[in-house]
PDB file of N, CA and C in Angstrom:
ATOM      1  N   MET A   1      93.263 -46.816   5.225  1.00  0.00           N
ATOM      2  CA  MET A   1      93.026 -45.609   5.951  1.00  0.00           C
ATOM      3  C   MET A   1      94.190 -45.303   6.877  1.00  0.00           C
ATOM      4  N   ARG A   2      94.406 -44.098   6.772  1.00  0.00           N
ATOM      5  CA  ARG A   2      95.365 -43.805   7.960  1.00  0.00           C
ATOM      6  C   ARG A   2      94.864 -44.020   9.218  1.00  0.00           C
ATOM      7  N   PRO A   3      95.779 -44.278  10.324  1.00  0.00           N
ATOM      8  CA  PRO A   3      95.308 -44.402  11.554  1.00  0.00           C
ATOM      9  C   PRO A   3      94.545 -43.325  12.323  1.00  0.00           C
ATOM     10  N   ARG A   4      94.833 -42.056  11.975  1.00  0.00           N
ATOM     11  CA  ARG A   4      94.232 -40.923  12.575  1.00  0.00           C
ATOM     12  C   ARG A   4      92.832 -40.769  12.014  1.00  0.00           C
ATOM     13  N   VAL A   5      92.740 -41.003  10.805  1.00  0.00           N
ATOM     14  CA  VAL A   5      91.309 -40.798   9.870  1.00  0.00           C
ATOM     15  C   VAL A   5      90.454 -41.954  10.610  1.00  0.00           C
ATOM     16  N   LEU A   6      90.860 -43.252  10.655  1.00  0.00           N
ATOM     17  CA  LEU A   6      90.128 -44.398  11.145  1.00  0.00           C
ATOM     18  C   LEU A   6      89.787 -44.036  12.590  1.00  0.00           C
ATOM     19  N   LYS A   7      90.774 -43.503  13.655  1.00  0.00           N
ATOM     20  CA  LYS A   7      90.250 -43.210  14.903  1.00  0.00           C
ATOM     21  C   LYS A   7      89.298 -42.235  15.056  1.00  0.00           C
ATOM     22  N   THR A   8      89.326 -41.306  14.102  1.00  0.00           N
ATOM     23  CA  THR A   8      88.317 -40.038  14.138  1.00  0.00           C
ATOM     24  C   THR A   8      87.020 -40.763  13.725  1.00  0.00           C
ATOM     25  N   SER A   9      87.112 -41.493  12.543  1.00  0.00           N
ATOM     26  CA  SER A   9      85.757 -42.228  12.246  1.00  0.00           C
ATOM     27  C   SER A   9      85.107 -42.986  13.167  1.00  0.00           C
ATOM     28  N   LEU A  10      85.795 -43.796  13.860  1.00  0.00           N
ATOM     29  CA  LEU A  10      85.292 -44.515  15.177  1.00  0.00           C
ATOM     30  C   LEU A  10      84.886 -43.816  16.021  1.00  0.00           C
ATOM     31  N   VAL A  11      85.381 -42.717  16.621  1.00  0.00           N
ATOM     32  CA  VAL A  11      84.925 -41.735  17.518  1.00  0.00           C
ATOM     33  C   VAL A  11      83.498 -41.320  17.151  1.00  0.00           C
ATOM     34  N   PHE A  12      83.648 -40.689  15.905  1.00  0.00           N
ATOM     35  CA  PHE A  12      82.298 -40.164  15.292  1.00  0.00           C
ATOM     36  C   PHE A  12      81.209 -41.189  15.401  1.00  0.00           C
ATOM     37  N   ALA A  13      81.453 -42.495  14.878  1.00  0.00           N
ATOM     38  CA  ALA A  13      80.502 -43.386  14.771  1.00  0.00           C
ATOM     39  C   ALA A  13      79.905 -43.763  16.245  1.00  0.00           C
ATOM     40  N   ALA A  14      80.832 -43.779  17.284  1.00  0.00           N
ATOM     41  CA  ALA A  14      80.417 -44.260  18.494  1.00  0.00           C
ATOM     42  C   ALA A  14      79.666 -43.114  18.954  1.00  0.00           C
ATOM     43  N   LEU A  15      79.838 -41.739  18.852  1.00  0.00           N
ATOM     44  CA  LEU A  15      78.938 -40.699  19.208  1.00  0.00           C
ATOM     45  C   LEU A  15      77.713 -40.532  18.638  1.00  0.00           C
ATOM     46  N   VAL A  16      77.532 -41.028  17.249  1.00  0.00           N
ATOM     47  CA  VAL A  16      76.303 -41.117  16.689  1.00  0.00           C
ATOM     48  C   VAL A  16      75.503 -42.153  17.260  1.00  0.00           C
ATOM     49  N   ALA A  17      76.221 -43.501  17.552  1.00  0.00           N
ATOM     50  CA  ALA A  17      75.478 -44.518  18.196  1.00  0.00           C
ATOM     51  C   ALA A  17      75.142 -44.076  19.677  1.00  0.00           C
ATOM     52  N   ALA A  18      75.564 -43.447  20.276  1.00  0.00           N
ATOM     53  CA  ALA A  18      75.316 -42.919  21.572  1.00  0.00           C
ATOM     54  C   ALA A  18      74.168 -41.806  21.845  1.00  0.00           C
ATOM     55  N   MET A  19      73.949 -41.269  20.806  1.00  0.00           N
ATOM     56  CA  MET A  19      72.944 -40.063  20.662  1.00  0.00           C
ATOM     57  C   MET A  19      71.719 -40.410  21.351  1.00  0.00           C
ATOM     58  N   PRO A  20      70.962 -41.375  20.888  1.00  0.00           N
ATOM     59  CA  PRO A  20      69.779 -41.757  21.501  1.00  0.00           C
ATOM     60  C   PRO A  20      69.655 -41.907  23.122  1.00  0.00           C
ATOM     61  N   MET A  21      70.898 -42.272  23.519  1.00  0.00           N
ATOM     62  CA  MET A  21      71.137 -42.690  24.980  1.00  0.00           C
ATOM     63  C   MET A  21      71.234 -41.319  25.582  1.00  0.00           C
ATOM     64  N   LEU A  22      71.761 -40.288  24.982  1.00  0.00           N
ATOM     65  CA  LEU A  22      71.971 -38.970  25.776  1.00  0.00           C
ATOM     66  C   LEU A  22      70.792 -37.947  25.722  1.00  0.00           C
ATOM     67  N   ALA A  23      69.637 -38.472  24.882  1.00  0.00           N
ATOM     68  CA  ALA A  23      68.425 -37.689  24.645  1.00  0.00           C
ATOM     69  C   ALA A  23      67.670 -37.863  26.009  1.00  0.00           C
ATOM     70  N   ALA A  24      66.917 -36.665  26.587  1.00  0.00           N
ATOM     71  CA  ALA A  24      66.219 -36.632  27.758  1.00  0.00           C
ATOM     72  C   ALA A  24      65.057 -37.696  27.608  1.00  0.00           C
ATOM     73  N   PRO A  25      64.743 -38.211  28.601  1.00  0.00           N
ATOM     74  CA  PRO A  25      63.579 -39.267  28.574  1.00  0.00           C
ATOM     75  C   PRO A  25      62.369 -38.457  28.270  1.00  0.00           C
ATOM     76  N   ALA A  26      61.420 -38.904  27.582  1.00  0.00           N
ATOM     77  CA  ALA A  26      60.128 -38.358  27.347  1.00  0.00           C
ATOM     78  C   ALA A  26      59.385 -38.186  28.692  1.00  0.00           C
ATOM     79  N   ALA A  27      58.696 -37.064  28.925  1.00  0.00           N
ATOM     80  CA  ALA A  27      58.017 -36.857  30.159  1.00  0.00           C
ATOM     81  C   ALA A  27      56.585 -37.405  30.089  1.00  0.00           C
ATOM     82  N   ALA A  28      56.228 -38.430  30.995  1.00  0.00           N
ATOM     83  CA  ALA A  28      54.890 -38.793  30.924  1.00  0.00           C
ATOM     84  C   ALA A  28      53.822 -37.751  31.135  1.00  0.00           C
ATOM     85  N   LYS A  29      52.651 -37.805  30.549  1.00  0.00           N
ATOM     86  CA  LYS A  29      51.478 -37.026  30.783  1.00  0.00           C
ATOM     87  C   LYS A  29      50.545 -37.432  31.814  1.00  0.00           C
ATOM     88  N   THR A  30      49.900 -36.586  32.469  1.00  0.00           N
ATOM     89  CA  THR A  30      49.159 -36.859  33.451  1.00  0.00           C
ATOM     90  C   THR A  30      47.571 -36.553  32.909  1.00  0.00           C
ATOM     91  N   CYS A  31      46.590 -37.349  33.025  1.00  0.00           N
ATOM     92  CA  CYS A  31      45.246 -37.116  32.297  1.00  0.00           C
ATOM     93  C   CYS A  31      44.235 -37.204  33.419  1.00  0.00           C
ATOM     94  N   LYS A  32      43.126 -36.545  33.008  1.00  0.00           N
ATOM     95  CA  LYS A  32      42.204 -36.715  34.061  1.00  0.00           C
ATOM     96  C   LYS A  32      41.427 -37.980  33.928  1.00  0.00           C
ATOM     97  N   SER A  33      40.532 -38.283  34.820  1.00  0.00           N
ATOM     98  CA  SER A  33      40.067 -39.768  34.724  1.00  0.00           C
ATOM     99  C   SER A  33      38.680 -39.591  33.958  1.00  0.00           C
ATOM    100  N   TYR A  34      38.182 -38.463  33.764  1.00  0.00           N
ATOM    101  CA  TYR A  34      36.795 -38.191  33.024  1.00  0.00           C
ATOM    102  C   TYR A  34      37.126 -37.480  31.691  1.00  0.00           C
ATOM    103  N   SER A  35      36.052 -37.671  30.826  1.00  0.00           N
ATOM    104  CA  SER A  35      36.173 -37.141  29.545  1.00  0.00           C
ATOM    105  C   SER A  35      35.304 -35.733  29.630  1.00  0.00           C
ATOM    106  N   VAL A  36      35.745 -34.773  28.717  1.00  0.00           N
ATOM    107  CA  VAL A  36      34.985 -33.585  28.707  1.00  0.00           C
ATOM    108  C   VAL A  36      34.438 -33.524  27.316  1.00  0.00           C
ATOM    109  N   SER A  37      33.065 -33.033  27.146  1.00  0.00           N
ATOM    110  CA  SER A  37      32.485 -33.037  26.007  1.00  0.00           C
ATOM    111  C   SER A  37      32.179 -31.702  25.623  1.00  0.00           C
ATOM    112  N   ALA A  38      32.439 -31.095  24.493  1.00  0.00           N
ATOM    113  CA  ALA A  38      31.897 -29.682  23.864  1.00  0.00           C
ATOM    114  C   ALA A  38      31.320 -29.852  22.572  1.00  0.00           C
ATOM    115  N   ASN A  39      30.132 -29.044  22.183  1.00  0.00           N
ATOM    116  CA  ASN A  39      29.492 -29.084  21.189  1.00  0.00           C
ATOM    117  C   ASN A  39      30.084 -27.608  20.439  1.00  0.00           C
ATOM    118  N   GLY A  40      30.330 -28.053  18.936  1.00  0.00           N
ATOM    119  CA  GLY A  40      30.750 -26.926  18.068  1.00  0.00           C
ATOM    120  C   GLY A  40      29.628 -26.310  17.389  1.00  0.00           C
ATOM    121  N   GLU A  41      29.819 -25.145  16.732  1.00  0.00           N
ATOM    122  CA  GLU A  41      28.735 -24.463  15.978  1.00  0.00           C
ATOM    123  C   GLU A  41      28.562 -25.066  14.726  1.00  0.00           C
ATOM    124  N   LYS A  42      27.310 -24.946  14.058  1.00  0.00           N
ATOM    125  CA  LYS A  42      27.113 -25.472  12.674  1.00  0.00           C
ATOM    126  C   LYS A  42      27.950 -24.932  11.699  1.00  0.00           C
ATOM    127  N   LYS A  43      28.552 -25.812  10.724  1.00  0.00           N
ATOM    128  CA  LYS A  43      29.607 -25.312   9.687  1.00  0.00           C
ATOM    129  C   LYS A  43      29.108 -25.969   8.311  1.00  0.00           C
ATOM    130  N   LEU A  44      29.825 -25.420   7.291  1.00  0.00           N
ATOM    131  CA  LEU A  44      29.578 -25.892   6.092  1.00  0.00           C
ATOM    132  C   LEU A  44      30.213 -27.298   5.706  1.00  0.00           C
ATOM    133  N   THR A  45      31.287 -27.406   6.384  1.00  0.00           N
ATOM    134  CA  THR A  45      32.239 -28.806   5.991  1.00  0.00           C
ATOM    135  C   THR A  45      32.447 -29.619   7.351  1.00  0.00           C
ATOM    136  N   ASN A  46      32.540 -30.691   7.087  1.00  0.00           N
ATOM    137  CA  ASN A  46      32.818 -31.591   8.372  1.00  0.00           C
ATOM    138  C   ASN A  46      34.203 -30.987   9.004  1.00  0.00           C
ATOM    139  N   LEU A  47      35.292 -30.514   8.336  1.00  0.00           N
ATOM    140  CA  LEU A  47      36.477 -30.145   9.059  1.00  0.00           C
ATOM    141  C   LEU A  47      36.237 -28.761   9.687  1.00  0.00           C
ATOM    142  N   THR A  48      35.528 -27.950   9.272  1.00  0.00           N
ATOM    143  CA  THR A  48      35.346 -26.713  10.141  1.00  0.00           C
ATOM    144  C   THR A  48      34.420 -27.009  11.216  1.00  0.00           C
ATOM    145  N   ALA A  49      33.535 -28.007  11.141  1.00  0.00           N
ATOM    146  CA  ALA A  49      32.875 -28.258  12.205  1.00  0.00           C
ATOM    147  C   ALA A  49      33.439 -29.068  13.374  1.00  0.00           C
ATOM    148  N   ARG A  50      34.361 -29.778  13.006  1.00  0.00           N
ATOM    149  CA  ARG A  50      35.456 -30.545  13.975  1.00  0.00           C
ATOM    150  C   ARG A  50      36.499 -29.559  14.608  1.00  0.00           C
ATOM    151  N   LEU A  51      36.839 -28.549  13.864  1.00  0.00           N
ATOM    152  CA  LEU A  51      37.518 -27.312  14.355  1.00  0.00           C
ATOM    153  C   LEU A  51      36.751 -26.554  15.435  1.00  0.00           C
ATOM    154  N   SER A  52      35.563 -26.169  15.012  1.00  0.00           N
ATOM    155  CA  SER A  52      34.802 -25.659  15.972  1.00  0.00           C
ATOM    156  C   SER A  52      34.388 -26.234  17.187  1.00  0.00           C
ATOM    157  N   ALA A  53      34.148 -27.526  17.316  1.00  0.00           N
ATOM    158  CA  ALA A  53      34.061 -28.299  18.339  1.00  0.00           C
ATOM    159  C   ALA A  53      35.262 -28.428  19.264  1.00  0.00           C
ATOM    160  N   ARG A  54      36.461 -28.750  18.534  1.00  0.00           N
ATOM    161  CA  ARG A  54      37.798 -28.587  19.194  1.00  0.00           C
ATOM    162  C   ARG A  54      37.962 -27.224  19.899  1.00  0.00           C
ATOM    163  N   TRP A  55      37.713 -26.189  19.257  1.00  0.00           N
ATOM    164  CA  TRP A  55      37.918 -25.007  19.934  1.00  0.00           C
ATOM    165  C   TRP A  55      36.986 -24.794  21.137  1.00  0.00           C
ATOM    166  N   HIS A  56      35.764 -25.211  21.137  1.00  0.00           N
ATOM    167  CA  HIS A  56      34.751 -25.111  22.308  1.00  0.00           C
ATOM    168  C   HIS A  56      35.311 -25.958  23.540  1.00  0.00           C
ATOM    169  N   TRP A  57      35.757 -27.297  22.982  1.00  0.00           N
ATOM    170  CA  TRP A  57      36.315 -28.305  24.014  1.00  0.00           C
ATOM    171  C   TRP A  57      37.455 -27.561  24.744  1.00  0.00           C
ATOM    172  N   HIS A  58      38.463 -26.933  24.127  1.00  0.00           N
ATOM    173  CA  HIS A  58      39.526 -26.103  24.527  1.00  0.00           C
ATOM    174  C   HIS A  58      38.954 -24.941  25.555  1.00  0.00           C
ATOM    175  N   ARG A  59      38.144 -24.390  25.180  1.00  0.00           N
ATOM    176  CA  ARG A  59      37.618 -23.130  25.936  1.00  0.00           C
ATOM    177  C   ARG A  59      36.833 -23.672  27.304  1.00  0.00           C
ATOM    178  N   LYS A  60      36.325 -24.836  27.104  1.00  0.00           N
ATOM    179  CA  LYS A  60      35.408 -25.311  28.274  1.00  0.00           C
ATOM    180  C   LYS A  60      36.492 -25.884  29.345  1.00  0.00           C
ATOM    181  N   VAL A  61      37.510 -26.580  28.776  1.00  0.00           N
ATOM    182  CA  VAL A  61      38.371 -27.136  29.768  1.00  0.00           C
ATOM    183  C   VAL A  61      39.228 -25.951  30.376  1.00  0.00           C
ATOM    184  N   LEU A  62      39.544 -25.031  29.474  1.00  0.00           N
ATOM    185  CA  LEU A  62      40.366 -23.734  30.049  1.00  0.00           C
ATOM    186  C   LEU A  62      39.660 -23.193  31.131  1.00  0.00           C
ATOM    187  N   LYS A  63      38.383 -22.929  31.038  1.00  0.00           N
ATOM    188  CA  LYS A  63      37.318 -22.309  31.961  1.00  0.00           C
ATOM    189  C   LYS A  63      37.452 -23.210  33.376  1.00  0.00           C
ATOM    190  N   ASN A  64      37.400 -24.439  33.236  1.00  0.00           N
ATOM    191  CA  ASN A  64      36.951 -25.316  34.273  1.00  0.00           C
ATOM    192  C   ASN A  64      38.405 -25.892  34.935  1.00  0.00           C
ATOM    193  N   GLN A  65      39.327 -26.218  34.081  1.00  0.00           N
ATOM    194  CA  GLN A  65      40.517 -26.793  34.675  1.00  0.00           C
ATOM    195  C   GLN A  65      41.865 -26.193  34.645  1.00  0.00           C
ATOM    196  N   GLY A  66      41.670 -25.128  33.731  1.00  0.00           N
ATOM    197  CA  GLY A  66      42.919 -24.198  33.652  1.00  0.00           C
ATOM    198  C   GLY A  66      43.778 -24.526  32.445  1.00  0.00           C
ATOM    199  N   PHE A  67      44.640 -23.689  32.070  1.00  0.00           N
ATOM    200  CA  PHE A  67      45.540 -23.559  30.870  1.00  0.00           C
ATOM    201  C   PHE A  67      46.205 -24.973  30.665  1.00  0.00           C
ATOM    202  N   VAL A  68      46.699 -25.368  31.575  1.00  0.00           N
ATOM    203  CA  VAL A  68      47.806 -26.476  31.536  1.00  0.00           C
ATOM    204  C   VAL A  68      46.901 -27.867  31.062  1.00  0.00           C
ATOM    205  N   TRP A  69      45.696 -27.966  31.095  1.00  0.00           N
ATOM    206  CA  TRP A  69      44.811 -29.050  31.013  1.00  0.00           C
ATOM    207  C   TRP A  69      44.309 -28.750  29.419  1.00  0.00           C
ATOM    208  N   SER A  70      44.313 -27.633  28.829  1.00  0.00           N
ATOM    209  CA  SER A  70      43.387 -27.259  27.763  1.00  0.00           C
ATOM    210  C   SER A  70      43.846 -27.415  26.510  1.00  0.00           C
ATOM    211  N   THR A  71      45.000 -28.376  26.149  1.00  0.00           N
ATOM    212  CA  THR A  71      45.661 -28.383  24.730  1.00  0.00           C
ATOM    213  C   THR A  71      44.956 -29.606  24.378  1.00  0.00           C
ATOM    214  N   TYR A  72      44.014 -29.652  23.166  1.00  0.00           N
ATOM    215  CA  TYR A  72      43.448 -30.885  22.845  1.00  0.00           C
ATOM    216  C   TYR A  72      44.390 -31.976  22.254  1.00  0.00           C
ATOM    217  N   ALA A  73      45.714 -31.374  21.722  1.00  0.00           N
ATOM    218  CA  ALA A  73      46.650 -32.275  21.160  1.00  0.00           C
ATOM    219  C   ALA A  73      47.206 -33.317  22.189  1.00  0.00           C
ATOM    220  N   LEU A  74      47.228 -32.880  23.433  1.00  0.00           N
ATOM    221  CA  LEU A  74      47.759 -33.582  24.335  1.00  0.00           C
ATOM    222  C   LEU A  74      46.552 -34.719  25.131  1.00  0.00           C
ATOM    223  N   ALA A  75      45.504 -34.497  24.861  1.00  0.00           N
ATOM    224  CA  ALA A  75      44.309 -35.086  25.639  1.00  0.00           C
ATOM    225  C   ALA A  75      44.154 -36.622  25.034  1.00  0.00           C
ATOM    226  N   SER A  76      43.772 -37.399  25.872  1.00  0.00           N
ATOM    227  CA  SER A  76      43.597 -38.864  25.581  1.00  0.00           C
ATOM    228  C   SER A  76      42.195 -39.049  25.321  1.00  0.00           C
ATOM    229  N   SER A  77      42.100 -40.204  24.747  1.00  0.00           N
ATOM    230  CA  SER A  77      40.604 -40.827  24.296  1.00  0.00           C
ATOM    231  C   SER A  77      39.862 -39.877  23.260  1.00  0.00           C
ATOM    232  N   LYS A  78      40.432 -39.292  22.546  1.00  0.00           N
ATOM    233  CA  LYS A  78      39.886 -38.251  21.763  1.00  0.00           C
ATOM    234  C   LYS A  78      38.977 -38.880  20.628  1.00  0.00           C
ATOM    235  N   TYR A  79      37.884 -38.368  20.591  1.00  0.00           N
ATOM    236  CA  TYR A  79      36.993 -38.633  19.441  1.00  0.00           C
ATOM    237  C   TYR A  79      35.833 -37.527  18.951  1.00  0.00           C
ATOM    238  N   TYR A  80      35.455 -37.489  17.855  1.00  0.00           N
ATOM    239  CA  TYR A  80      34.391 -36.600  17.440  1.00  0.00           C
ATOM    240  C   TYR A  80      33.044 -37.307  17.341  1.00  0.00           C
ATOM    241  N   GLN A  81      32.004 -36.727  17.435  1.00  0.00           N
ATOM    242  CA  GLN A  81      30.771 -37.329  16.959  1.00  0.00           C
ATOM    243  C   GLN A  81      30.168 -36.116  16.183  1.00  0.00           C
ATOM    244  N   CYS A  82      29.988 -36.500  14.759  1.00  0.00           N
ATOM    245  CA  CYS A  82      29.487 -35.522  13.952  1.00  0.00           C
ATOM    246  C   CYS A  82      28.226 -35.874  13.214  1.00  0.00           C
ATOM    247  N   SER A  83      27.176 -34.956  12.691  1.00  0.00           N
ATOM    248  CA  SER A  83      25.993 -35.174  12.242  1.00  0.00           C
ATOM    249  C   SER A  83      25.819 -34.186  11.001  1.00  0.00           C
ATOM    250  N   ARG A  84      24.946 -34.296  10.045  1.00  0.00           N
ATOM    251  CA  ARG A  84      24.812 -33.542   8.935  1.00  0.00           C
ATOM    252  C   ARG A  84      23.359 -33.346   9.087  1.00  0.00           C
ATOM    253  N   SER A  85      22.793 -32.116   8.875  1.00  0.00           N
ATOM    254  CA  SER A  85      21.692 -31.526   8.690  1.00  0.00           C
ATOM    255  C   SER A  85      21.303 -30.733   7.635  1.00  0.00           C
ATOM    256  N   GLY A  86      20.821 -30.962   6.621  1.00  0.00           N
ATOM    257  CA  GLY A  86      20.883 -30.168   5.220  1.00  0.00           C
ATOM    258  C   GLY A  86      22.125 -29.932   4.752  1.00  0.00           C
ATOM    259  N   LEU A  87      22.558 -28.836   4.793  1.00  0.00           N
ATOM    260  CA  LEU A  87      23.931 -28.363   4.078  1.00  0.00           C
ATOM    261  C   LEU A  87      24.949 -28.062   5.390  1.00  0.00           C
ATOM    262  N   LYS A  88      24.504 -28.245   6.454  1.00  0.00           N
ATOM    263  CA  LYS A  88      25.453 -27.774   7.736  1.00  0.00           C
ATOM    264  C   LYS A  88      25.746 -29.044   8.447  1.00  0.00           C
ATOM    265  N   TRP A  89      27.162 -29.093   8.921  1.00  0.00           N
ATOM    266  CA  TRP A  89      27.647 -30.222   9.727  1.00  0.00           C
ATOM    267  C   TRP A  89      27.692 -29.706  11.297  1.00  0.00           C
ATOM    268  N   LYS A  90      27.591 -30.453  12.100  1.00  0.00           N
ATOM    269  CA  LYS A  90      27.670 -30.134  13.746  1.00  0.00           C
ATOM    270  C   LYS A  90      28.390 -31.216  14.413  1.00  0.00           C
ATOM    271  N   CYS A  91      29.450 -30.764  14.913  1.00  0.00           N
ATOM    272  CA  CYS A  91      30.253 -32.003  15.838  1.00  0.00           C
ATOM    273  C   CYS A  91      30.308 -31.501  17.132  1.00  0.00           C
ATOM    274  N   SER A  92      30.682 -32.698  18.005  1.00  0.00           N
ATOM    275  CA  SER A  92      30.989 -32.379  19.462  1.00  0.00           C
ATOM    276  C   SER A  92      32.480 -33.083  19.538  1.00  0.00           C
ATOM    277  N   ALA A  93      33.286 -32.430  20.366  1.00  0.00           N
ATOM    278  CA  ALA A  93      34.528 -33.078  20.490  1.00  0.00           C
ATOM    279  C   ALA A  93      34.625 -33.647  21.982  1.00  0.00           C
ATOM    280  N   ASN A  94      35.162 -34.943  22.218  1.00  0.00           N
ATOM    281  CA  ASN A  94      35.253 -35.658  23.389  1.00  0.00           C
ATOM    282  C   ASN A  94      36.483 -36.027  23.732  1.00  0.00           C
ATOM    283  N   ALA A  95      37.238 -35.536  24.798  1.00  0.00           N
ATOM    284  CA  ALA A  95      38.668 -36.326  25.236  1.00  0.00           C
ATOM    285  C   ALA A  95      38.717 -35.951  26.711  1.00  0.00           C
ATOM    286  N   LYS A  96      39.660 -36.730  27.217  1.00  0.00           N
ATOM    287  CA  LYS A  96      40.078 -36.574  28.625  1.00  0.00           C
ATOM    288  C   LYS A  96      41.503 -35.655  28.637  1.00  0.00           C
ATOM    289  N   PRO A  97      41.112 -34.599  29.308  1.00  0.00           N
ATOM    290  CA  PRO A  97      42.105 -33.590  29.404  1.00  0.00           C
ATOM    291  C   PRO A  97      43.307 -34.007  30.103  1.00  0.00           C
ATOM    292  N   CYS A  98      44.816 -33.799  29.291  1.00  0.00           N
ATOM    293  CA  CYS A  98      45.894 -34.097  29.802  1.00  0.00           C
ATOM    294  C   CYS A  98      46.918 -32.896  30.161  1.00  0.00           C
ATOM    295  N   LYS A  99      47.779 -32.956  30.870  1.00  0.00           N
ATOM    296  CA  LYS A  99      48.924 -32.126  30.855  1.00  0.00           C
ATOM    297  C   LYS A  99      50.197 -32.987  30.815  1.00  0.00           C
ATOM    298  N   ALA A 100      51.436 -32.099  30.215  1.00  0.00           N
ATOM    299  CA  ALA A 100      52.575 -32.648  30.052  1.00  0.00           C
ATOM    300  C   ALA A 100      53.337 -32.673  31.225  1.00  0.00           C
TER     301      ALA A 100
END
């Protein structure tokens, strides 16, 4: 290899190696100490029943704690409780609200 190509290659390799160190640190999220539970509507599938419960959880947290706390994807200790009655599913979504 020619010296200039070698030098360029080494600089490029050093920059690639340093990229993770240049990234901004992930922001820690803040969570409430309590869980919020919300019941969804009866639906034909377990998936749609879970989505309904998740929507109702979002709406409940939005109303009581505000927008920054209402993103279910950011919540901690998440779980669903679902049951089937006949052809319909009903779920509740439970989680601790968090904000980024």
